[in-house]
Protein backbone atom coordinates (compact mmCIF):
# COMPACT_ATOMS: atom_id res chain seq x y z
CA MET A 1 93.44 111.13 97.90
CA ILE A 2 95.83 110.37 100.77
CA ARG A 3 95.33 113.89 102.14
CA PHE A 4 91.57 113.52 101.80
CA VAL A 5 91.60 110.25 103.77
CA GLY A 6 93.64 111.99 106.48
CA GLN A 7 91.17 114.89 106.59
CA LEU A 8 88.26 112.49 107.01
CA GLN A 9 90.07 110.61 109.76
CA THR A 10 90.69 113.88 111.61
CA ALA A 11 87.16 115.18 111.10
CA PHE A 12 85.51 111.97 112.33
CA GLY A 13 88.11 110.80 114.84
CA ILE A 14 88.92 107.57 113.00
CA ALA A 15 92.33 106.01 113.58
CA PRO A 16 94.27 104.77 110.56
CA ASN A 17 94.26 101.22 112.00
CA ARG A 18 90.43 101.33 111.87
CA THR A 19 90.23 102.83 108.37
CA VAL A 20 88.96 100.72 105.48
CA ILE A 21 89.24 102.20 102.01
CA ALA A 22 87.17 100.55 99.30
CA GLY A 23 85.78 101.26 95.89
CA PHE A 24 84.47 99.76 92.69
CA SER A 25 86.18 99.93 89.32
CA GLN A 26 88.25 103.15 89.24
CA GLY A 27 87.47 103.55 92.94
CA SER A 28 89.11 100.23 93.74
CA ILE A 29 92.17 101.26 91.76
CA LEU A 30 92.37 104.46 93.83
CA SER A 31 91.85 102.47 97.03
CA ALA A 32 94.69 100.11 96.21
CA ARG A 33 97.01 102.95 95.27
CA VAL A 34 96.36 104.74 98.55
CA ALA A 35 96.81 101.58 100.61
CA LEU A 36 99.91 100.33 98.83
CA SER A 37 101.67 103.69 98.63
CA ALA A 38 100.72 104.96 102.12
CA PRO A 39 99.83 101.85 104.16
CA GLU A 40 100.20 103.70 107.46
CA CYS A 41 97.05 105.65 106.54
CA VAL A 42 94.69 102.65 106.36
CA ALA A 43 94.19 99.17 107.80
CA CYS A 44 92.93 97.51 104.64
CA CYS A 45 91.58 98.05 101.18
CA ARG A 46 89.18 96.46 98.80
CA ALA A 47 90.95 96.28 95.50
CA ALA A 48 89.68 94.82 92.30
CA SER A 49 91.83 94.82 89.20
CA CYS A 50 94.66 97.29 89.54
CA PRO A 51 97.04 97.81 86.66
CA SER A 52 100.50 99.30 87.14
CA LEU A 53 100.67 99.33 90.93
CA GLU A 54 104.32 98.37 91.20
CA PRO A 55 105.82 101.90 90.85
CA HIS A 56 103.70 103.16 93.76
CA VAL A 57 104.31 100.38 96.27
CA ALA A 58 105.74 101.16 99.73
CA SER A 59 108.44 99.06 101.36
CA GLN A 60 107.59 95.62 102.73
CA GLU A 61 108.13 96.91 106.27
CA ARG A 62 105.48 99.61 105.79
CA LEU A 63 103.07 97.09 104.24
CA ALA A 64 103.38 94.56 107.08
CA LYS A 65 100.02 95.36 108.74
CA LEU A 66 98.00 95.95 105.58
CA HIS A 67 95.14 93.65 104.54
CA GLY A 68 93.60 93.44 101.08
CA PHE A 69 90.48 92.00 99.48
CA ILE A 70 90.36 91.39 95.73
CA GLY A 71 86.92 90.71 94.29
CA HIS A 72 86.51 90.52 90.54
CA GLY A 73 84.07 89.29 87.92
CA GLN A 74 85.27 86.33 85.87
CA TYR A 75 83.45 87.77 82.85
CA ASP A 76 84.37 91.41 83.38
CA SER A 77 84.12 93.14 80.01
CA LYS A 78 85.70 96.41 81.25
CA LEU A 79 88.72 95.29 83.32
CA PRO A 80 90.23 91.93 82.39
CA VAL A 81 90.28 89.22 85.05
CA ALA A 82 94.01 88.91 84.33
CA TRP A 83 94.49 92.26 86.10
CA ALA A 84 92.95 90.86 89.29
CA GLN A 85 95.14 87.78 89.00
CA ARG A 86 98.18 90.02 88.55
CA SER A 87 97.20 92.02 91.64
CA ASP A 88 96.87 88.76 93.57
CA ARG A 89 100.40 87.72 92.57
CA LEU A 90 101.77 91.16 93.48
CA LEU A 91 100.21 91.03 96.95
CA ASP A 92 101.62 87.51 97.38
CA GLU A 93 105.09 88.78 96.52
CA LEU A 94 105.01 91.84 98.80
CA PRO A 95 103.65 90.01 101.00
CA VAL A 96 100.34 91.64 101.92
CA SER A 97 97.77 89.53 103.74
CA HIS A 98 94.85 89.28 101.34
CA LEU A 99 91.97 87.27 99.96
CA MET A 100 91.08 86.99 96.28
CA ARG A 101 87.71 85.82 95.05
CA LEU A 102 86.40 85.59 91.50
CA TYR A 103 82.67 85.72 90.80
CA PRO A 104 80.66 84.55 87.76
CA ILE A 105 79.66 88.12 86.85
CA ASP A 106 80.54 90.95 84.47
CA HIS A 107 81.74 94.39 85.68
CA ALA A 108 79.63 94.64 88.83
CA ILE A 109 79.39 93.97 92.55
CA SER A 110 77.28 90.90 93.23
CA PRO A 111 75.53 90.08 96.50
CA ALA A 112 78.03 87.23 96.95
CA MET A 113 80.98 89.61 96.51
CA GLN A 114 79.47 92.04 99.00
CA ALA A 115 78.82 89.25 101.52
CA ASP A 116 82.37 87.89 101.13
CA PHE A 117 83.80 91.38 101.68
CA VAL A 118 81.76 91.89 104.86
CA GLN A 119 82.76 88.44 106.16
CA TRP A 120 86.40 89.16 105.34
CA LEU A 121 86.19 92.48 107.24
CA GLN A 122 84.89 90.53 110.23
CA GLU A 123 87.72 88.02 109.95
CA VAL A 124 90.40 90.75 109.93
CA GLY A 125 88.66 92.48 112.85
CA LEU A 126 87.42 95.58 111.06
CA ALA A 127 83.69 95.02 110.77
CA VAL A 128 81.47 97.35 112.75
């Protein structure tokens, strides 16, 4: 996945500091793994619940410029909300600048989550 991101950046002339990697469900887990293991490749990630990230985390120095957004459904029947809360604590400990929001939804992306993500991108200076 890291190589693929690099290939896309080269093909489209996108600098790593302007690269946002995001996904939903398994895609958010992949996004977080890329960002936390190779933070020099991306500026930020949208990560939902991400189990077992700790073994893949880069050094704090490499993570210094990374931003993260955690959006998760409070009633998620597929990925427990506790995973999102665990990810939030991990990013606090690293420390990675991030925002966590919980939404009164199941395993989905709500309009409110989408709007919060876009606003957050604007706040970190990465919205188009």
